[in-house]
Amino acid sequence: MNSLNEFVKFIEKLLKIKIKDKNLIKVALTHTSKEILKPPINFETLEFLGDSIINFIISEKVFKKYQNFNEGV
């Protein structure tokens, strides 16, 4: 993926959803060292959101790929 827009489209297609505020995704996945908004906002909350989205996607893929495995494998 070359851009955030492509990533958002991928997420929308994968989860079969429509993301209303795509800028929020950009903020959530951007490190705090890069100022992208004025005035600054609470990045920790958005970082939690971004981490949760990534964890969900990875968990779903692992679950689907290894659904016949026992817990702990």
PDB file of N, CA and C in Angstrom:
ATOM      1  N   MET A   1       0.844  -1.180   0.000  1.00  0.00           N
ATOM      2  CA  MET A   1       0.000   0.000   0.000  1.00  0.00           C
ATOM      3  C   MET A   1       0.886   1.239   0.000  1.00  0.00           C
ATOM      4  N   ASN A   2       0.547   2.165  -0.827  1.00  0.00           N
ATOM      5  CA  ASN A   2       1.401   3.336  -0.968  1.00  0.00           C
ATOM      6  C   ASN A   2       0.893   4.553  -0.237  1.00  0.00           C
ATOM      7  N   SER A   3      -0.339   4.555   0.173  1.00  0.00           N
ATOM      8  CA  SER A   3      -0.850   5.758   0.804  1.00  0.00           C
ATOM      9  C   SER A   3      -1.898   5.415   1.853  1.00  0.00           C
ATOM     10  N   LEU A   4      -2.179   6.412   2.651  1.00  0.00           N
ATOM     11  CA  LEU A   4      -3.204   6.239   3.674  1.00  0.00           C
ATOM     12  C   LEU A   4      -4.566   5.980   3.038  1.00  0.00           C
ATOM     13  N   ASN A   5      -4.850   6.639   1.936  1.00  0.00           N
ATOM     14  CA  ASN A   5      -6.140   6.427   1.269  1.00  0.00           C
ATOM     15  C   ASN A   5      -6.309   4.978   0.823  1.00  0.00           C
ATOM     16  N   GLU A   6      -5.238   4.390   0.311  1.00  0.00           N
ATOM     17  CA  GLU A   6      -5.296   2.980  -0.088  1.00  0.00           C
ATOM     18  C   GLU A   6      -5.508   2.089   1.129  1.00  0.00           C
ATOM     19  N   PHE A   7      -4.843   2.424   2.247  1.00  0.00           N
ATOM     20  CA  PHE A   7      -5.006   1.655   3.473  1.00  0.00           C
ATOM     21  C   PHE A   7      -6.443   1.730   3.966  1.00  0.00           C
ATOM     22  N   VAL A   8      -7.025   2.919   3.951  1.00  0.00           N
ATOM     23  CA  VAL A   8      -8.408   3.098   4.407  1.00  0.00           C
ATOM     24  C   VAL A   8      -9.357   2.299   3.511  1.00  0.00           C
ATOM     25  N   LYS A   9      -9.143   2.347   2.213  1.00  0.00           N
ATOM     26  CA  LYS A   9      -9.984   1.563   1.289  1.00  0.00           C
ATOM     27  C   LYS A   9      -9.851   0.071   1.573  1.00  0.00           C
ATOM     28  N   PHE A  10      -8.616  -0.372   1.853  1.00  0.00           N
ATOM     29  CA  PHE A  10      -8.387  -1.776   2.182  1.00  0.00           C
ATOM     30  C   PHE A  10      -9.158  -2.171   3.443  1.00  0.00           C
ATOM     31  N   ILE A  11      -9.090  -1.339   4.468  1.00  0.00           N
ATOM     32  CA  ILE A  11      -9.791  -1.609   5.730  1.00  0.00           C
ATOM     33  C   ILE A  11     -11.298  -1.638   5.506  1.00  0.00           C
ATOM     34  N   GLU A  12     -11.804  -0.664   4.753  1.00  0.00           N
ATOM     35  CA  GLU A  12     -13.246  -0.621   4.480  1.00  0.00           C
ATOM     36  C   GLU A  12     -13.702  -1.891   3.753  1.00  0.00           C
ATOM     37  N   LYS A  13     -12.911  -2.326   2.772  1.00  0.00           N
ATOM     38  CA  LYS A  13     -13.272  -3.530   2.018  1.00  0.00           C
ATOM     39  C   LYS A  13     -13.169  -4.773   2.897  1.00  0.00           C
ATOM     40  N   LEU A  14     -12.095  -4.862   3.673  1.00  0.00           N
ATOM     41  CA  LEU A  14     -11.873  -6.022   4.530  1.00  0.00           C
ATOM     42  C   LEU A  14     -12.976  -6.173   5.572  1.00  0.00           C
ATOM     43  N   LEU A  15     -13.347  -5.064   6.195  1.00  0.00           N
ATOM     44  CA  LEU A  15     -14.343  -5.102   7.271  1.00  0.00           C
ATOM     45  C   LEU A  15     -15.761  -4.847   6.784  1.00  0.00           C
ATOM     46  N   LYS A  16     -15.893  -4.555   5.486  1.00  0.00           N
ATOM     47  CA  LYS A  16     -17.202  -4.252   4.893  1.00  0.00           C
ATOM     48  C   LYS A  16     -17.903  -3.125   5.647  1.00  0.00           C
ATOM     49  N   ILE A  17     -17.147  -2.027   5.826  1.00  0.00           N
ATOM     50  CA  ILE A  17     -17.670  -0.843   6.512  1.00  0.00           C
ATOM     51  C   ILE A  17     -17.338   0.393   5.696  1.00  0.00           C
ATOM     52  N   LYS A  18     -17.924   1.509   6.060  1.00  0.00           N
ATOM     53  CA  LYS A  18     -17.604   2.796   5.453  1.00  0.00           C
ATOM     54  C   LYS A  18     -17.111   3.708   6.570  1.00  0.00           C
ATOM     55  N   ILE A  19     -15.880   4.156   6.483  1.00  0.00           N
ATOM     56  CA  ILE A  19     -15.306   5.039   7.490  1.00  0.00           C
ATOM     57  C   ILE A  19     -15.702   6.472   7.143  1.00  0.00           C
ATOM     58  N   LYS A  20     -16.430   7.108   8.063  1.00  0.00           N
ATOM     59  CA  LYS A  20     -16.938   8.459   7.799  1.00  0.00           C
ATOM     60  C   LYS A  20     -15.836   9.512   7.875  1.00  0.00           C
ATOM     61  N   ASP A  21     -15.025   9.455   8.935  1.00  0.00           N
ATOM     62  CA  ASP A  21     -13.992  10.472   9.138  1.00  0.00           C
ATOM     63  C   ASP A  21     -12.617   9.853   8.906  1.00  0.00           C
ATOM     64  N   LYS A  22     -12.177   9.863   7.661  1.00  0.00           N
ATOM     65  CA  LYS A  22     -10.904   9.254   7.303  1.00  0.00           C
ATOM     66  C   LYS A  22      -9.721   9.986   7.927  1.00  0.00           C
ATOM     67  N   ASN A  23      -9.883  11.255   8.202  1.00  0.00           N
ATOM     68  CA  ASN A  23      -8.822  12.024   8.846  1.00  0.00           C
ATOM     69  C   ASN A  23      -8.535  11.488  10.247  1.00  0.00           C
ATOM     70  N   LEU A  24      -9.554  10.966  10.914  1.00  0.00           N
ATOM     71  CA  LEU A  24      -9.378  10.393  12.240  1.00  0.00           C
ATOM     72  C   LEU A  24      -8.449   9.180  12.185  1.00  0.00           C
ATOM     73  N   ILE A  25      -8.539   8.390  11.126  1.00  0.00           N
ATOM     74  CA  ILE A  25      -7.641   7.254  10.942  1.00  0.00           C
ATOM     75  C   ILE A  25      -6.209   7.763  10.782  1.00  0.00           C
ATOM     76  N   LYS A  26      -6.043   8.820  10.000  1.00  0.00           N
ATOM     77  CA  LYS A  26      -4.716   9.401   9.803  1.00  0.00           C
ATOM     78  C   LYS A  26      -4.137   9.857  11.130  1.00  0.00           C
ATOM     79  N   VAL A  27      -4.924  10.520  11.933  1.00  0.00           N
ATOM     80  CA  VAL A  27      -4.468  10.996  13.231  1.00  0.00           C
ATOM     81  C   VAL A  27      -4.139   9.818  14.139  1.00  0.00           C
ATOM     82  N   ALA A  28      -4.995   8.796  14.135  1.00  0.00           N
ATOM     83  CA  ALA A  28      -4.810   7.646  15.024  1.00  0.00           C
ATOM     84  C   ALA A  28      -3.540   6.871  14.699  1.00  0.00           C
ATOM     85  N   LEU A  29      -3.149   6.848  13.440  1.00  0.00           N
ATOM     86  CA  LEU A  29      -2.000   6.049  13.031  1.00  0.00           C
ATOM     87  C   LEU A  29      -0.730   6.865  12.831  1.00  0.00           C
ATOM     88  N   THR A  30      -0.756   8.136  13.220  1.00  0.00           N
ATOM     89  CA  THR A  30       0.404   9.009  13.069  1.00  0.00           C
ATOM     90  C   THR A  30       1.090   9.196  14.411  1.00  0.00           C
ATOM     91  N   HIS A  31       2.404   9.066  14.417  1.00  0.00           N
ATOM     92  CA  HIS A  31       3.180   9.216  15.648  1.00  0.00           C
ATOM     93  C   HIS A  31       3.085  10.650  16.155  1.00  0.00           C
ATOM     94  N   THR A  32       3.150  10.803  17.476  1.00  0.00           N
ATOM     95  CA  THR A  32       2.992  12.131  18.078  1.00  0.00           C
ATOM     96  C   THR A  32       4.121  13.088  17.715  1.00  0.00           C
ATOM     97  N   SER A  33       5.239  12.572  17.262  1.00  0.00           N
ATOM     98  CA  SER A  33       6.342  13.452  16.883  1.00  0.00           C
ATOM     99  C   SER A  33       6.027  14.238  15.607  1.00  0.00           C
ATOM    100  N   LYS A  34       5.041  13.806  14.884  1.00  0.00           N
ATOM    101  CA  LYS A  34       4.641  14.510  13.659  1.00  0.00           C
ATOM    102  C   LYS A  34       3.380  15.304  13.949  1.00  0.00           C
ATOM    103  N   GLU A  35       3.531  16.606  13.995  1.00  0.00           N
ATOM    104  CA  GLU A  35       2.369  17.461  14.256  1.00  0.00           C
ATOM    105  C   GLU A  35       1.542  17.574  12.990  1.00  0.00           C
ATOM    106  N   ILE A  36       0.304  17.083  13.062  1.00  0.00           N
ATOM    107  CA  ILE A  36      -0.554  17.152  11.881  1.00  0.00           C
ATOM    108  C   ILE A  36      -1.798  17.991  12.116  1.00  0.00           C
ATOM    109  N   LEU A  37      -2.052  18.321  13.368  1.00  0.00           N
ATOM    110  CA  LEU A  37      -3.231  19.119  13.663  1.00  0.00           C
ATOM    111  C   LEU A  37      -2.873  20.288  14.558  1.00  0.00           C
ATOM    112  N   LYS A  38      -3.541  21.361  14.383  1.00  0.00           N
ATOM    113  CA  LYS A  38      -3.415  22.518  15.269  1.00  0.00           C
ATOM    114  C   LYS A  38      -4.807  22.852  15.753  1.00  0.00           C
ATOM    115  N   PRO A  39      -5.080  23.018  16.997  1.00  0.00           N
ATOM    116  CA  PRO A  39      -4.190  22.750  18.131  1.00  0.00           C
ATOM    117  C   PRO A  39      -4.016  21.254  18.314  1.00  0.00           C
ATOM    118  N   PRO A  40      -2.962  20.858  19.033  1.00  0.00           N
ATOM    119  CA  PRO A  40      -2.735  19.416  19.242  1.00  0.00           C
ATOM    120  C   PRO A  40      -3.917  18.762  19.949  1.00  0.00           C
ATOM    121  N   ILE A  41      -4.140  17.524  19.620  1.00  0.00           N
ATOM    122  CA  ILE A  41      -5.213  16.769  20.258  1.00  0.00           C
ATOM    123  C   ILE A  41      -4.612  15.634  21.060  1.00  0.00           C
ATOM    124  N   ASN A  42      -5.434  14.918  21.808  1.00  0.00           N
ATOM    125  CA  ASN A  42      -4.966  13.828  22.631  1.00  0.00           C
ATOM    126  C   ASN A  42      -4.671  12.615  21.760  1.00  0.00           C
ATOM    127  N   PHE A  43      -3.412  12.442  21.430  1.00  0.00           N
ATOM    128  CA  PHE A  43      -3.017  11.348  20.559  1.00  0.00           C
ATOM    129  C   PHE A  43      -3.095   9.995  21.248  1.00  0.00           C
ATOM    130  N   GLU A  44      -2.996   9.978  22.570  1.00  0.00           N
ATOM    131  CA  GLU A  44      -3.003   8.691  23.271  1.00  0.00           C
ATOM    132  C   GLU A  44      -4.313   7.950  23.046  1.00  0.00           C
ATOM    133  N   THR A  45      -5.420   8.670  23.058  1.00  0.00           N
ATOM    134  CA  THR A  45      -6.717   8.041  22.803  1.00  0.00           C
ATOM    135  C   THR A  45      -6.769   7.497  21.386  1.00  0.00           C
ATOM    136  N   LEU A  46      -6.289   8.277  20.434  1.00  0.00           N
ATOM    137  CA  LEU A  46      -6.297   7.835  19.041  1.00  0.00           C
ATOM    138  C   LEU A  46      -5.270   6.737  18.794  1.00  0.00           C
ATOM    139  N   GLU A  47      -4.163   6.769  19.525  1.00  0.00           N
ATOM    140  CA  GLU A  47      -3.183   5.685  19.423  1.00  0.00           C
ATOM    141  C   GLU A  47      -3.816   4.372  19.873  1.00  0.00           C
ATOM    142  N   PHE A  48      -4.594   4.432  20.943  1.00  0.00           N
ATOM    143  CA  PHE A  48      -5.309   3.250  21.423  1.00  0.00           C
ATOM    144  C   PHE A  48      -6.262   2.741  20.342  1.00  0.00           C
ATOM    145  N   LEU A  49      -6.964   3.646  19.687  1.00  0.00           N
ATOM    146  CA  LEU A  49      -7.877   3.263  18.608  1.00  0.00           C
ATOM    147  C   LEU A  49      -7.111   2.597  17.468  1.00  0.00           C
ATOM    148  N   GLY A  50      -6.016   3.205  17.055  1.00  0.00           N
ATOM    149  CA  GLY A  50      -5.211   2.647  15.970  1.00  0.00           C
ATOM    150  C   GLY A  50      -4.673   1.276  16.315  1.00  0.00           C
ATOM    151  N   ASP A  51      -4.149   1.131  17.529  1.00  0.00           N
ATOM    152  CA  ASP A  51      -3.638  -0.167  17.969  1.00  0.00           C
ATOM    153  C   ASP A  51      -4.750  -1.211  17.995  1.00  0.00           C
ATOM    154  N   SER A  52      -5.929  -0.800  18.430  1.00  0.00           N
ATOM    155  CA  SER A  52      -7.059  -1.727  18.494  1.00  0.00           C
ATOM    156  C   SER A  52      -7.469  -2.200  17.110  1.00  0.00           C
ATOM    157  N   ILE A  53      -7.464  -1.302  16.148  1.00  0.00           N
ATOM    158  CA  ILE A  53      -7.820  -1.662  14.771  1.00  0.00           C
ATOM    159  C   ILE A  53      -6.813  -2.669  14.220  1.00  0.00           C
ATOM    160  N   ILE A  54      -5.537  -2.392  14.418  1.00  0.00           N
ATOM    161  CA  ILE A  54      -4.502  -3.296  13.917  1.00  0.00           C
ATOM    162  C   ILE A  54      -4.588  -4.651  14.610  1.00  0.00           C
ATOM    163  N   ASN A  55      -4.774  -4.657  15.924  1.00  0.00           N
ATOM    164  CA  ASN A  55      -4.904  -5.912  16.670  1.00  0.00           C
ATOM    165  C   ASN A  55      -6.105  -6.724  16.195  1.00  0.00           C
ATOM    166  N   PHE A  56      -7.204  -6.040  15.916  1.00  0.00           N
ATOM    167  CA  PHE A  56      -8.401  -6.729  15.431  1.00  0.00           C
ATOM    168  C   PHE A  56      -8.140  -7.399  14.087  1.00  0.00           C
ATOM    169  N   ILE A  57      -7.526  -6.681  13.184  1.00  0.00           N
ATOM    170  CA  ILE A  57      -7.276  -7.208  11.845  1.00  0.00           C
ATOM    171  C   ILE A  57      -6.345  -8.414  11.914  1.00  0.00           C
ATOM    172  N   ILE A  58      -5.283  -8.293  12.683  1.00  0.00           N
ATOM    173  CA  ILE A  58      -4.338  -9.400  12.804  1.00  0.00           C
ATOM    174  C   ILE A  58      -5.007 -10.599  13.478  1.00  0.00           C
ATOM    175  N   SER A  59      -5.756 -10.351  14.545  1.00  0.00           N
ATOM    176  CA  SER A  59      -6.441 -11.441  15.255  1.00  0.00           C
ATOM    177  C   SER A  59      -7.415 -12.167  14.345  1.00  0.00           C
ATOM    178  N   GLU A  60      -8.157 -11.420  13.547  1.00  0.00           N
ATOM    179  CA  GLU A  60      -9.114 -12.043  12.636  1.00  0.00           C
ATOM    180  C   GLU A  60      -8.404 -12.925  11.615  1.00  0.00           C
ATOM    181  N   LYS A  61      -7.298 -12.434  11.065  1.00  0.00           N
ATOM    182  CA  LYS A  61      -6.557 -13.213  10.073  1.00  0.00           C
ATOM    183  C   LYS A  61      -5.976 -14.486  10.698  1.00  0.00           C
ATOM    184  N   VAL A  62      -5.411 -14.364  11.898  1.00  0.00           N
ATOM    185  CA  VAL A  62      -4.850 -15.538  12.574  1.00  0.00           C
ATOM    186  C   VAL A  62      -5.959 -16.538  12.900  1.00  0.00           C
ATOM    187  N   PHE A  63      -7.079 -16.037  13.398  1.00  0.00           N
ATOM    188  CA  PHE A  63      -8.202 -16.911  13.739  1.00  0.00           C
ATOM    189  C   PHE A  63      -8.703 -17.674  12.520  1.00  0.00           C
ATOM    190  N   LYS A  64      -8.846 -16.974  11.390  1.00  0.00           N
ATOM    191  CA  LYS A  64      -9.340 -17.630  10.181  1.00  0.00           C
ATOM    192  C   LYS A  64      -8.335 -18.641   9.632  1.00  0.00           C
ATOM    193  N   LYS A  65      -7.057 -18.296   9.683  1.00  0.00           N
ATOM    194  CA  LYS A  65      -6.034 -19.178   9.120  1.00  0.00           C
ATOM    195  C   LYS A  65      -5.829 -20.427   9.977  1.00  0.00           C
ATOM    196  N   TYR A  66      -5.939 -20.279  11.304  1.00  0.00           N
ATOM    197  CA  TYR A  66      -5.647 -21.381  12.217  1.00  0.00           C
ATOM    198  C   TYR A  66      -6.863 -21.783  13.047  1.00  0.00           C
ATOM    199  N   GLN A  67      -8.039 -21.750  12.469  1.00  0.00           N
ATOM    200  CA  GLN A  67      -9.257 -22.010  13.227  1.00  0.00           C
ATOM    201  C   GLN A  67      -9.363 -23.441  13.730  1.00  0.00           C
ATOM    202  N   ASN A  68      -8.625 -24.369  13.163  1.00  0.00           N
ATOM    203  CA  ASN A  68      -8.681 -25.759  13.608  1.00  0.00           C
ATOM    204  C   ASN A  68      -7.647 -26.081  14.675  1.00  0.00           C
ATOM    205  N   PHE A  69      -6.840 -25.102  15.068  1.00  0.00           N
ATOM    206  CA  PHE A  69      -5.812 -25.336  16.079  1.00  0.00           C
ATOM    207  C   PHE A  69      -6.401 -25.165  17.473  1.00  0.00           C
ATOM    208  N   ASN A  70      -5.835 -25.873  18.440  1.00  0.00           N
ATOM    209  CA  ASN A  70      -6.231 -25.687  19.837  1.00  0.00           C
ATOM    210  C   ASN A  70      -5.636 -24.398  20.386  1.00  0.00           C
ATOM    211  N   GLU A  71      -6.249 -23.891  21.442  1.00  0.00           N
ATOM    212  CA  GLU A  71      -5.746 -22.685  22.090  1.00  0.00           C
ATOM    213  C   GLU A  71      -4.323 -22.917  22.564  1.00  0.00           C
ATOM    214  N   GLY A  72      -3.468 -21.958  22.357  1.00  0.00           N
ATOM    215  CA  GLY A  72      -2.092 -22.053  22.787  1.00  0.00           C
ATOM    216  C   GLY A  72      -1.131 -22.491  21.699  1.00  0.00           C
ATOM    217  N   VAL A  73      -1.670 -23.067  20.627  1.00  0.00           N
ATOM    218  CA  VAL A  73      -0.813 -23.491  19.520  1.00  0.00           C
ATOM    219  C   VAL A  73      -0.457 -22.247  18.742  1.00  0.00           C
TER     220      VAL A  73
END
